[in-house]
Amino acid sequence: VTSAENHSGAAMPQEGGENELNQSGIVGLEEPKKMTREDWRKKKELEEQRKLGNAPAEVDEEGKDINPHIPQYISSVPWYIDPSKRPTLKHQRPQSEKEEEFSSIGEWYKRGVPETSVSTKFRKGACENCGAMTHKKKDCFERPRKVGARFTGTGIAPDEQEQITLKLDYDGKRDRWNGYDPDDHMRIVEEYAKVDLAKRTLKAQRLQEELASGKLEQVVSFHYYYYDREPNSEDEDEDKYADDIDMPGQNFDSKRRITVRNLRIREDIAKYLRNLDPNSAYYDPKTRAMRENPYSNTGKIPEEVGYAGDNFARYTGDTITMAQTQLFAWEAYEKGSEVHLQADPTKLELLHQSFKVKKENFKDMQKASILEKYGGQEHLDAPPRELLLAQTEDYVEYSRHGAVLKGQEKAVARSKYEEDVFNNNHSMHQDKMKEKKKKKDKKQKKKESDSSDDEHEKLKKALTAEDQRLKHVAEIMQIDERKRPYNSLKEVREPTEEEMEAFRMKRSRPDDPMASFLGQ
């Protein structure tokens, strides 16, 4: 298979198929020759073999393989552009001449001033304030001098760096470490090393003073303790971080960089071991919760035991106060007060205290006003009836051992007549039922009559208002259009049912044959 058969333009270029100048001086292109039937069949077979992977893929001018499944109209170069070119995908890739060139990762603005000799006299074209050549007076960042360098010729500032113009790509604009100098971190490390060395020196001096004064009984090798051992020795009992201290709960191991969780303090008794009775409080192993009191069946007082259940711990102390404060915050927010328990707890606490004081004062005022109006203060201050009479009407029977047998409840007064006897399974006497029904019917009739009278009065008022409106409209229509008053400030509201009914009754109907007889 020749290269002409591989050409996806389905045409073999003629020999010497280069562009030639014709007699008129116009560049001409040789048209491709028509392929024979045999060449076409071989070309199609080769394409099928390439698609199946039995034949090697076609290679473009850059030496890259062309996917055999790419259509011909994408990979081929038209014969009228350049018939000598082979199939290629170069036109599908980004063109180097059209690609934007961005700054590299190492390029950044220059810092500081150039390490050159500073001028000792003013130069023509320099800044009149500081004497630098890289900017003018209006762009100078130095403090405005009383007499500029142009006139004094002294204190000439060094020239700034000539900054480059950076063109950053999408990632470069959003790189938070762009322009970072790693030497800055080394300066921080050196500073902390100096501080650490100063601490060790001060500690060595203090130890020498204690040894000289005889306060230390044990003689410690000073040179080994401070210089020969590792800096991060575990023997130091000072300058420890909070992460290195073992505490119950969850903490962070700074040496191994892992999170360590101590489940509980080892001296504590597990909840399920406090009472081994199977009928005691339920222990949930998944959440490690025991809500009820495990000592409830033993007769111990909850305040005296070490653990009385999660609910006891939850509803004691300031928990109830916190819940009441949260409830007050919700109610105050619904009334329009901008308060929040977590956002502004001080404001909420003060508002809650003032509310409680006002509530107590209101109750006292209400009680005092009622007593002042109706009296009865002497009944509130009276001692109990048992103390006044030293006896009661309650009949109580006791056993030999002092237990109450009968008479603890209050006795019901009975008469000699039959009570609570209803005929025919009624819940009350028939006379009472009839009387109750009469009262109900009378009340209903009165309510209906009142409502009908009220509606009649409303309709009468609406008819009067409608008559006045029609008269006003007739008067307005008689006035010249330019002199009519405005009604833009008139109240606009939805008409009531009585007003709509009055409008329908008073509305003129020209098509009504009886309108002339009614005077309309």
Protein backbone atom coordinates (compact mmCIF):
# COMPACT_ATOMS: atom_id res chain seq x y z
CA VAL A 1 0.00 0.00 0.00
CA THR A 2 1.57 3.25 -1.10
CA SER A 3 1.41 6.59 0.61
CA ALA A 4 -1.06 7.75 -2.02
CA GLU A 5 -3.43 4.99 -0.91
CA ASN A 6 -3.05 6.03 2.69
CA HIS A 7 -4.06 9.54 1.81
CA SER A 8 -7.53 10.03 3.25
CA GLY A 9 -8.48 12.48 0.55
CA ALA A 10 -9.35 9.45 -1.64
CA ALA A 11 -7.16 10.82 -4.47
CA MET A 12 -3.57 10.26 -5.57
CA PRO A 13 -1.67 13.47 -6.38
CA GLN A 14 -0.06 13.60 -9.79
CA GLU A 15 3.71 13.58 -10.14
CA GLY A 16 5.11 17.01 -9.87
CA GLY A 17 1.91 18.05 -8.21
CA GLU A 18 3.35 21.29 -6.96
CA ASN A 19 1.69 24.60 -7.59
CA GLU A 20 2.64 26.06 -10.93
CA LEU A 21 2.21 29.48 -12.47
CA ASN A 22 0.07 29.52 -15.61
CA GLN A 23 0.49 31.98 -18.45
CA SER A 24 -1.72 34.57 -16.76
CA GLY A 25 0.48 34.52 -13.62
CA ILE A 26 -2.16 32.90 -11.36
CA VAL A 27 -1.18 30.00 -9.14
CA GLY A 28 -2.94 26.85 -10.31
CA LEU A 29 -3.64 23.55 -8.51
CA GLU A 30 -3.65 20.18 -10.16
CA GLU A 31 -6.86 18.32 -9.52
CA PRO A 32 -6.47 14.82 -8.00
CA LYS A 33 -6.84 11.86 -10.25
CA LYS A 34 -9.77 9.56 -9.80
CA MET A 35 -8.95 6.34 -7.91
CA THR A 36 -9.46 3.03 -9.61
CA ARG A 37 -11.93 0.50 -8.23
CA GLU A 38 -9.10 -1.78 -7.06
CA ASP A 39 -7.33 1.06 -5.21
CA TRP A 40 -10.64 2.05 -3.54
CA ARG A 41 -11.26 -1.53 -2.41
CA LYS A 42 -7.74 -1.85 -0.95
CA LYS A 43 -8.14 1.47 0.85
CA LYS A 44 -11.43 0.38 2.44
CA GLU A 45 -9.97 -2.99 3.50
CA LEU A 46 -6.99 -1.23 5.11
CA GLU A 47 -9.34 1.07 7.04
CA GLU A 48 -11.35 -1.88 8.32
CA GLN A 49 -8.18 -3.69 9.42
CA ARG A 50 -7.00 -0.58 11.25
CA LYS A 51 -10.33 -0.25 13.04
CA LEU A 52 -10.11 -3.89 14.11
CA GLY A 53 -6.52 -3.41 15.31
CA ASN A 54 -4.96 -5.85 12.85
CA ALA A 55 -3.01 -3.17 10.97
CA PRO A 56 -0.87 -0.40 12.46
CA ALA A 57 -2.54 3.00 12.82
CA GLU A 58 -1.81 5.77 10.38
CA VAL A 59 0.89 8.25 11.40
CA ASP A 60 0.66 11.99 10.84
CA GLU A 61 3.46 14.34 9.89
CA GLU A 62 4.53 14.72 13.53
CA GLY A 63 4.85 10.96 14.05
CA LYS A 64 1.71 10.62 16.17
CA ASP A 65 -0.85 7.88 15.62
CA ILE A 66 -4.23 8.83 14.18
CA ASN A 67 -7.26 7.16 15.63
CA PRO A 68 -8.80 5.07 12.79
CA HIS A 69 -12.29 5.86 14.07
CA ILE A 70 -11.86 9.59 13.41
CA PRO A 71 -13.91 10.59 10.35
CA GLN A 72 -12.12 11.40 7.12
CA TYR A 73 -13.39 14.97 6.90
CA ILE A 74 -11.63 15.76 10.22
CA SER A 75 -8.21 14.20 9.60
CA SER A 76 -7.80 14.92 5.89
CA VAL A 77 -6.31 18.09 4.40
CA PRO A 78 -8.33 19.39 1.40
CA TRP A 79 -6.52 18.94 -1.92
CA TYR A 80 -7.14 22.55 -2.90
CA ILE A 81 -5.16 23.79 0.14
CA ASP A 82 -2.11 21.54 0.01
CA PRO A 83 -2.36 18.20 -1.83
CA SER A 84 1.12 17.17 -0.73
CA LYS A 85 0.21 17.01 2.99
CA ARG A 86 -0.61 13.75 4.66
CA PRO A 87 -3.56 13.21 7.03
CA THR A 88 -2.95 15.04 10.31
CA LEU A 89 -4.70 16.21 13.45
CA LYS A 90 -2.46 19.21 13.98
CA HIS A 91 -5.28 21.60 13.15
CA GLN A 92 -7.33 20.05 15.99
CA ARG A 93 -4.67 20.78 18.61
CA PRO A 94 -3.85 24.16 20.23
CA GLN A 95 -1.74 26.23 17.85
CA SER A 96 1.53 27.39 19.31
CA GLU A 97 1.37 30.77 17.62
CA LYS A 98 -2.10 31.41 19.11
CA GLU A 99 -1.38 30.15 22.64
CA GLU A 100 -1.02 32.74 25.38
CA GLU A 101 2.28 32.73 27.22
CA PHE A 102 1.97 33.07 31.00
CA SER A 103 4.55 33.81 33.64
CA SER A 104 6.35 30.85 35.17
CA ILE A 105 6.00 29.78 38.80
CA GLY A 106 9.38 31.29 39.75
CA GLU A 107 8.74 34.76 38.38
CA TRP A 108 7.61 37.43 40.83
CA TYR A 109 8.07 41.08 41.58
CA LYS A 110 11.49 42.10 42.84
CA ARG A 111 11.73 43.13 46.48
CA GLY A 112 13.87 45.78 48.12
CA VAL A 113 16.25 48.10 46.30
CA PRO A 114 19.05 47.20 43.86
CA GLU A 115 22.47 46.67 45.40
CA THR A 116 24.13 49.51 43.59
CA SER A 117 25.88 52.66 44.71
CA VAL A 118 23.56 55.45 45.82
CA SER A 119 23.95 58.78 44.03
CA THR A 120 25.31 61.66 46.09
CA LYS A 121 23.87 64.52 44.03
CA PHE A 122 20.59 65.29 42.40
CA ARG A 123 20.14 64.03 38.83
CA LYS A 124 18.07 65.64 36.16
CA GLY A 125 14.64 64.00 35.77
CA ALA A 126 14.69 62.45 39.27
CA CYS A 127 12.03 62.80 41.96
CA GLU A 128 12.12 66.31 43.41
CA ASN A 129 11.25 64.99 46.88
CA CYS A 130 13.62 62.02 47.46
CA GLY A 131 15.93 62.11 44.41
CA ALA A 132 15.17 58.61 43.02
CA MET A 133 15.15 58.18 39.24
CA THR A 134 12.40 55.56 39.06
CA HIS A 135 9.42 57.81 39.88
CA LYS A 136 8.22 61.39 39.92
CA LYS A 137 7.25 63.64 42.80
CA LYS A 138 3.53 62.87 42.62
CA ASP A 139 4.25 59.11 42.81
CA CYS A 140 6.74 59.33 45.69
CA PHE A 141 5.96 57.22 48.77
CA GLU A 142 8.37 59.00 51.10
CA ARG A 143 7.26 61.65 53.55
CA PRO A 144 7.12 65.05 51.84
CA ARG A 145 10.25 66.89 52.82
CA LYS A 146 10.24 70.51 53.83
CA VAL A 147 13.04 71.15 51.33
CA GLY A 148 13.23 68.53 48.61
CA ALA A 149 16.34 66.74 47.41
CA ARG A 150 16.27 68.88 44.28
CA PHE A 151 17.36 71.90 46.28
CA THR A 152 19.37 70.29 49.10
CA GLY A 153 21.24 67.67 47.04
CA THR A 154 21.48 65.46 50.16
CA GLY A 155 19.65 62.36 51.35
CA ILE A 156 19.23 60.96 47.86
CA ALA A 157 17.06 57.83 48.07
CA PRO A 158 18.14 54.70 46.16
CA ASP A 159 16.32 53.77 42.98
CA GLU A 160 13.59 51.13 43.13
CA GLN A 161 13.64 47.89 41.23
CA GLU A 162 12.34 47.90 37.70
CA GLN A 163 9.37 45.62 38.09
CA ILE A 164 8.32 43.18 35.41
CA THR A 165 4.80 42.76 34.10
CA LEU A 166 3.39 39.41 35.20
CA LYS A 167 0.76 37.62 33.17
CA LEU A 168 -0.71 34.91 35.41
CA ASP A 169 -3.02 32.10 34.37
CA TYR A 170 -6.14 30.93 36.19
CA ASP A 171 -4.23 28.95 38.84
CA GLY A 172 -1.55 31.58 39.25
CA LYS A 173 -4.08 34.27 40.14
CA ARG A 174 -5.60 32.04 42.84
CA ASP A 175 -2.36 30.61 44.27
CA ARG A 176 -2.23 31.67 47.93
CA TRP A 177 1.50 30.90 48.08
CA ASN A 178 2.35 32.84 44.92
CA GLY A 179 5.44 34.93 45.52
CA TYR A 180 6.23 33.27 48.85
CA ASP A 181 9.89 33.35 49.82
CA PRO A 182 10.99 30.15 51.67
CA ASP A 183 13.75 32.12 53.33
CA ASP A 184 11.12 33.87 55.46
CA HIS A 185 10.36 30.58 57.21
CA MET A 186 14.03 30.06 58.00
CA ARG A 187 14.10 33.48 59.66
CA ILE A 188 11.22 32.41 61.91
CA VAL A 189 13.00 29.15 62.78
CA GLU A 190 16.17 31.03 63.64
CA GLU A 191 14.23 33.49 65.82
CA TYR A 192 12.61 30.68 67.83
CA ALA A 193 15.98 28.94 68.15
CA LYS A 194 17.43 32.11 69.67
CA VAL A 195 14.52 32.38 72.12
CA ASP A 196 15.02 28.73 73.13
CA LEU A 197 18.72 29.28 73.65
CA ALA A 198 18.01 32.33 75.83
CA LYS A 199 15.60 30.29 77.97
CA ARG A 200 18.22 27.58 78.48
CA THR A 201 20.82 30.14 79.44
CA LEU A 202 18.53 31.72 82.03
CA LYS A 203 17.67 28.30 83.43
CA ALA A 204 21.36 27.42 83.69
CA GLN A 205 22.05 30.63 85.58
CA ARG A 206 19.19 29.99 87.98
CA LEU A 207 20.43 26.45 88.61
CA GLN A 208 23.93 27.72 89.33
CA GLU A 209 22.55 30.20 91.85
CA GLU A 210 20.53 27.45 93.58
CA LEU A 211 23.57 25.16 93.71
CA ALA A 212 25.69 27.95 95.14
CA SER A 213 23.09 28.79 97.81
CA GLY A 214 22.70 25.11 98.78
CA LYS A 215 19.00 24.86 98.01
CA LEU A 216 19.47 21.78 95.81
CA GLU A 217 20.47 18.63 97.69
CA GLN A 218 21.29 16.59 94.61
CA VAL A 219 24.24 17.62 92.48
CA VAL A 220 23.31 17.44 88.81
CA SER A 221 25.77 17.41 86.02
CA PHE A 222 25.24 20.86 84.57
CA HIS A 223 27.00 20.26 81.27
CA TYR A 224 25.12 17.00 80.57
CA TYR A 225 21.77 18.35 81.64
CA TYR A 226 21.81 21.37 79.36
CA TYR A 227 24.11 20.63 76.44
CA ASP A 228 24.77 16.89 75.92
CA ARG A 229 21.18 15.68 76.02
CA GLU A 230 18.57 16.07 73.28
CA PRO A 231 16.62 19.33 73.23
CA ASN A 232 13.20 17.62 73.30
CA SER A 233 13.94 15.47 76.36
CA GLU A 234 10.98 14.14 78.29
CA ASP A 235 12.76 14.82 81.62
CA GLU A 236 11.88 18.50 81.54
CA ASP A 237 9.06 19.39 83.82
CA GLU A 238 8.69 22.91 82.42
CA ASP A 239 7.55 24.35 79.12
CA LYS A 240 5.18 21.47 78.52
CA TYR A 241 2.39 21.91 76.05
CA ALA A 242 -1.20 21.10 76.92
CA ASP A 243 -1.24 18.34 74.30
CA ASP A 244 1.39 16.38 76.24
CA ILE A 245 -0.67 16.22 79.45
CA ASP A 246 -2.84 13.12 79.96
CA MET A 247 -6.40 14.13 80.75
CA PRO A 248 -9.65 12.19 80.63
CA GLY A 249 -11.71 12.66 77.52
CA GLN A 250 -10.32 13.29 74.06
CA ASN A 251 -6.87 14.81 73.54
CA PHE A 252 -4.26 15.13 70.80
CA ASP A 253 -0.92 13.36 70.89
CA SER A 254 1.52 15.96 69.54
CA LYS A 255 4.41 13.50 69.13
CA ARG A 256 2.64 10.83 67.09
CA ARG A 257 0.20 13.33 65.51
CA ILE A 258 -2.83 11.17 66.31
CA THR A 259 -5.97 11.65 68.35
CA VAL A 260 -6.14 9.64 71.57
CA ARG A 261 -9.43 9.07 73.38
CA ASN A 262 -9.46 8.04 77.01
CA LEU A 263 -12.85 6.44 77.55
CA ARG A 264 -13.11 7.26 81.25
CA ILE A 265 -11.08 7.89 84.34
CA ARG A 266 -9.81 4.53 85.62
CA GLU A 267 -10.96 5.25 89.18
CA ASP A 268 -14.59 5.68 88.12
CA ILE A 269 -17.04 2.80 88.43
CA ALA A 270 -18.77 1.76 85.22
CA LYS A 271 -22.48 2.56 85.13
CA TYR A 272 -23.52 -1.06 84.62
CA LEU A 273 -21.51 -2.14 87.69
CA ARG A 274 -23.20 0.21 90.17
CA ASN A 275 -26.20 -2.06 90.68
CA LEU A 276 -26.04 -5.66 89.48
CA ASP A 277 -29.78 -6.20 89.92
CA PRO A 278 -31.19 -7.08 86.45
CA ASN A 279 -34.40 -5.17 87.29
CA SER A 280 -32.54 -1.93 87.98
CA ALA A 281 -32.00 0.95 85.53
CA TYR A 282 -31.47 0.05 81.86
CA TYR A 283 -27.98 0.57 80.43
CA ASP A 284 -27.66 1.24 76.70
CA PRO A 285 -24.26 -0.11 75.59
CA LYS A 286 -24.31 1.69 72.24
CA THR A 287 -24.68 5.22 73.61
CA ARG A 288 -23.26 4.34 77.08
CA ALA A 289 -26.26 5.97 78.67
CA MET A 290 -28.18 5.06 81.83
CA ARG A 291 -31.02 7.53 82.13
CA GLU A 292 -32.71 6.21 85.28
CA ASN A 293 -31.30 6.02 88.79
CA PRO A 294 -29.59 2.67 89.39
CA TYR A 295 -30.17 3.01 93.16
CA SER A 296 -33.93 3.66 92.88
CA ASN A 297 -34.83 0.20 94.33
CA THR A 298 -32.32 0.39 97.18
CA GLY A 299 -33.96 3.31 99.00
CA LYS A 300 -30.95 5.60 98.79
CA ILE A 301 -31.49 9.33 98.37
CA PRO A 302 -30.41 10.51 94.87
CA GLU A 303 -28.55 13.51 96.32
CA GLU A 304 -26.34 11.26 98.48
CA VAL A 305 -25.22 8.69 95.90
CA GLY A 306 -22.31 9.30 93.55
CA TYR A 307 -24.33 8.70 90.41
CA ALA A 308 -28.11 8.98 90.10
CA GLY A 309 -28.59 8.55 86.34
CA ASP A 310 -28.14 10.82 83.35
CA ASN A 311 -31.55 12.42 83.78
CA PHE A 312 -30.72 13.42 87.35
CA ALA A 313 -27.54 15.10 86.21
CA ARG A 314 -29.36 16.68 83.29
CA TYR A 315 -32.21 18.24 85.30
CA THR A 316 -30.20 19.60 88.21
CA GLY A 317 -28.13 22.71 88.70
CA ASP A 318 -28.47 25.41 86.03
CA THR A 319 -30.02 23.07 83.45
CA ILE A 320 -33.58 24.03 84.35
CA THR A 321 -32.65 27.72 84.43
CA MET A 322 -31.06 27.40 81.00
CA ALA A 323 -34.19 25.75 79.62
CA GLN A 324 -36.40 28.50 81.07
CA THR A 325 -34.12 31.17 79.59
CA GLN A 326 -34.26 29.50 76.17
CA LEU A 327 -38.05 29.33 76.34
CA PHE A 328 -38.19 33.03 77.26
CA ALA A 329 -35.88 33.86 74.30
CA TRP A 330 -38.22 32.06 71.87
CA GLU A 331 -41.28 33.83 73.26
CA ALA A 332 -39.53 37.22 73.20
CA TYR A 333 -38.42 36.69 69.60
CA GLU A 334 -42.00 35.96 68.57
CA LYS A 335 -43.06 39.24 70.21
CA GLY A 336 -40.44 41.19 68.22
CA SER A 337 -37.42 41.37 70.55
CA GLU A 338 -34.09 40.64 68.88
CA VAL A 339 -32.54 38.37 71.52
CA HIS A 340 -30.65 35.10 71.25
CA LEU A 341 -29.29 32.78 73.91
CA GLN A 342 -25.98 32.02 72.20
CA ALA A 343 -25.45 35.29 70.31
CA ASP A 344 -26.16 37.75 73.16
CA PRO A 345 -26.55 35.91 76.51
CA THR A 346 -25.94 38.99 78.69
CA LYS A 347 -28.69 40.99 77.06
CA LEU A 348 -31.07 38.03 77.32
CA GLU A 349 -30.28 37.48 81.00
CA LEU A 350 -30.91 41.12 81.88
CA LEU A 351 -34.12 41.15 79.87
CA HIS A 352 -35.30 37.95 81.56
CA GLN A 353 -34.59 39.31 85.05
CA SER A 354 -36.44 42.56 84.34
CA PHE A 355 -39.34 40.55 82.91
CA LYS A 356 -39.60 38.43 86.07
CA VAL A 357 -39.52 41.52 88.29
CA LYS A 358 -42.25 43.22 86.24
CA LYS A 359 -44.33 40.03 86.29
CA GLU A 360 -44.16 39.78 90.10
CA ASN A 361 -45.01 43.48 90.44
CA PHE A 362 -47.98 43.05 88.11
CA LYS A 363 -49.28 40.09 90.14
CA ASP A 364 -48.97 42.07 93.38
CA MET A 365 -50.72 45.07 91.84
CA GLN A 366 -53.50 42.89 90.48
CA LYS A 367 -54.00 41.17 93.85
CA ALA A 368 -53.98 44.51 95.68
CA SER A 369 -56.53 46.05 93.26
CA ILE A 370 -58.89 43.08 93.67
CA LEU A 371 -58.66 43.18 97.46
CA GLU A 372 -59.14 46.94 97.43
CA LYS A 373 -62.26 46.67 95.27
CA TYR A 374 -63.92 43.61 96.81
CA GLY A 375 -62.22 43.28 100.19
CA GLY A 376 -61.51 39.98 101.96
CA GLN A 377 -57.99 40.51 103.18
CA GLU A 378 -59.00 39.14 106.57
CA HIS A 379 -59.89 35.76 105.02
CA LEU A 380 -56.44 35.43 103.50
CA ASP A 381 -54.73 36.17 106.81
CA ALA A 382 -57.00 33.88 108.80
CA PRO A 383 -55.45 30.77 110.42
CA PRO A 384 -56.63 27.27 109.40
CA ARG A 385 -60.07 26.11 110.49
CA GLU A 386 -58.64 23.30 112.57
CA LEU A 387 -56.74 25.83 114.70
CA LEU A 388 -59.74 28.12 115.06
CA LEU A 389 -62.25 25.48 116.22
CA ALA A 390 -59.81 22.83 117.42
CA GLN A 391 -62.17 20.23 115.89
CA THR A 392 -63.52 19.11 112.52
CA GLU A 393 -66.72 17.58 111.14
CA ASP A 394 -64.84 14.78 109.38
CA TYR A 395 -65.63 11.25 110.65
CA VAL A 396 -62.59 8.98 110.75
CA GLU A 397 -62.30 5.40 112.05
CA TYR A 398 -58.97 3.98 113.18
CA SER A 399 -57.77 0.41 113.75
CA ARG A 400 -55.98 -0.95 116.82
CA HIS A 401 -52.65 -0.08 115.30
CA GLY A 402 -53.63 3.48 114.33
CA ALA A 403 -54.28 2.88 110.62
CA VAL A 404 -57.19 4.73 109.01
CA LEU A 405 -60.08 2.35 108.22
CA LYS A 406 -62.86 4.70 107.16
CA GLY A 407 -63.61 8.38 106.89
CA GLN A 408 -60.49 9.74 105.20
CA GLU A 409 -62.55 11.17 102.36
CA LYS A 410 -65.05 13.96 102.95
CA ALA A 411 -68.61 12.73 103.67
CA VAL A 412 -71.40 13.76 101.28
CA ALA A 413 -74.47 15.38 102.86
CA ARG A 414 -77.65 13.38 102.18
CA SER A 415 -81.35 14.31 102.53
CA LYS A 416 -84.40 12.15 103.28
CA TYR A 417 -85.68 12.53 99.71
CA GLU A 418 -84.59 10.44 96.74
CA GLU A 419 -81.68 11.97 94.88
CA ASP A 420 -80.02 11.13 91.60
CA VAL A 421 -82.83 8.84 90.50
CA PHE A 422 -83.54 9.25 86.75
CA ASN A 423 -86.31 7.51 84.84
CA ASN A 424 -85.96 5.95 81.41
CA ASN A 425 -82.18 6.16 81.48
CA HIS A 426 -82.11 9.98 81.43
CA SER A 427 -79.07 11.84 82.66
CA MET A 428 -81.23 14.49 84.39
CA HIS A 429 -84.85 15.10 85.37
CA GLN A 430 -87.34 15.84 82.62
CA ASP A 431 -88.34 19.14 84.17
CA LYS A 432 -84.76 20.29 84.06
CA MET A 433 -84.42 19.08 80.47
CA LYS A 434 -87.50 21.04 79.38
CA GLU A 435 -86.35 24.13 81.22
CA LYS A 436 -82.92 23.88 79.63
CA LYS A 437 -84.42 23.45 76.15
CA LYS A 438 -86.68 26.51 76.62
CA LYS A 439 -83.70 28.63 77.64
CA LYS A 440 -81.73 27.44 74.63
CA ASP A 441 -84.57 28.18 72.17
CA LYS A 442 -85.17 31.60 73.70
CA LYS A 443 -81.50 32.44 73.46
CA GLN A 444 -81.36 31.31 69.81
CA LYS A 445 -84.44 33.40 68.86
CA LYS A 446 -83.01 36.45 70.56
CA LYS A 447 -79.72 35.97 68.73
CA GLU A 448 -81.46 35.66 65.35
CA SER A 449 -83.62 38.73 65.95
CA ASP A 450 -80.62 40.76 67.02
CA SER A 451 -78.66 39.71 63.95
CA SER A 452 -81.59 40.48 61.58
CA ASP A 453 -82.10 43.91 63.17
CA ASP A 454 -78.43 44.62 62.92
CA GLU A 455 -78.34 43.69 59.22
CA HIS A 456 -81.41 45.84 58.56
CA GLU A 457 -79.77 48.84 60.22
CA LYS A 458 -76.57 48.33 58.24
CA LEU A 459 -78.53 48.13 54.96
CA LYS A 460 -80.45 51.32 55.80
CA LYS A 461 -77.18 53.17 56.46
CA ALA A 462 -75.68 51.83 53.23
CA LEU A 463 -78.73 53.02 51.20
CA THR A 464 -78.45 56.51 52.73
CA ALA A 465 -74.73 56.64 51.92
CA GLU A 466 -75.43 55.48 48.34
CA ASP A 467 -78.03 58.26 47.88
CA GLN A 468 -75.50 60.82 49.04
CA ARG A 469 -72.88 59.41 46.67
CA LEU A 470 -75.23 59.60 43.68
CA LYS A 471 -76.14 63.22 44.52
CA HIS A 472 -72.45 64.07 44.79
CA VAL A 473 -71.73 62.44 41.43
CA ALA A 474 -74.58 64.41 39.80
CA GLU A 475 -73.19 67.67 41.21
CA ILE A 476 -69.69 66.88 40.02
CA MET A 477 -70.92 66.11 36.50
CA GLN A 478 -72.57 69.55 36.31
CA ILE A 479 -69.21 71.28 36.96
CA ASP A 480 -66.79 72.03 34.15
CA GLU A 481 -64.24 69.26 33.64
CA ARG A 482 -61.30 71.60 34.21
CA LYS A 483 -62.69 72.80 37.54
CA ARG A 484 -63.57 69.46 39.05
CA PRO A 485 -61.80 68.64 42.32
CA TYR A 486 -59.42 65.71 42.65
CA ASN A 487 -60.33 62.56 44.61
CA SER A 488 -56.85 60.97 44.72
CA LEU A 489 -56.65 61.38 48.52
CA LYS A 490 -59.90 59.54 49.11
CA GLU A 491 -59.68 56.35 51.16
CA VAL A 492 -59.79 53.19 49.05
CA ARG A 493 -61.14 50.09 50.76
CA GLU A 494 -63.09 46.97 49.89
CA PRO A 495 -66.89 47.57 49.97
CA THR A 496 -68.99 45.63 52.45
CA GLU A 497 -71.88 43.34 51.55
CA GLU A 498 -74.44 45.99 52.59
CA GLU A 499 -72.77 48.60 50.38
CA MET A 500 -72.79 46.23 47.41
CA GLU A 501 -76.47 45.47 47.99
CA ALA A 502 -77.30 49.21 48.18
CA PHE A 503 -75.36 49.78 44.94
CA ARG A 504 -77.35 47.07 43.17
CA MET A 505 -80.63 48.49 44.46
CA LYS A 506 -79.85 52.08 43.43
CA ARG A 507 -78.14 51.28 40.14
CA SER A 508 -79.84 52.76 37.07
CA ARG A 509 -80.82 50.31 34.31
CA PRO A 510 -81.60 52.08 31.02
CA ASP A 511 -82.65 48.86 29.31
CA ASP A 512 -85.33 48.20 31.96
CA PRO A 513 -88.80 48.84 30.41
CA MET A 514 -90.17 49.82 33.83
CA ALA A 515 -87.45 52.39 34.46
CA SER A 516 -89.59 55.30 33.13
CA PHE A 517 -92.48 54.37 35.46
CA LEU A 518 -90.14 54.26 38.49
CA GLY A 519 -88.84 57.74 37.84
CA GLN A 520 -85.41 56.55 36.76
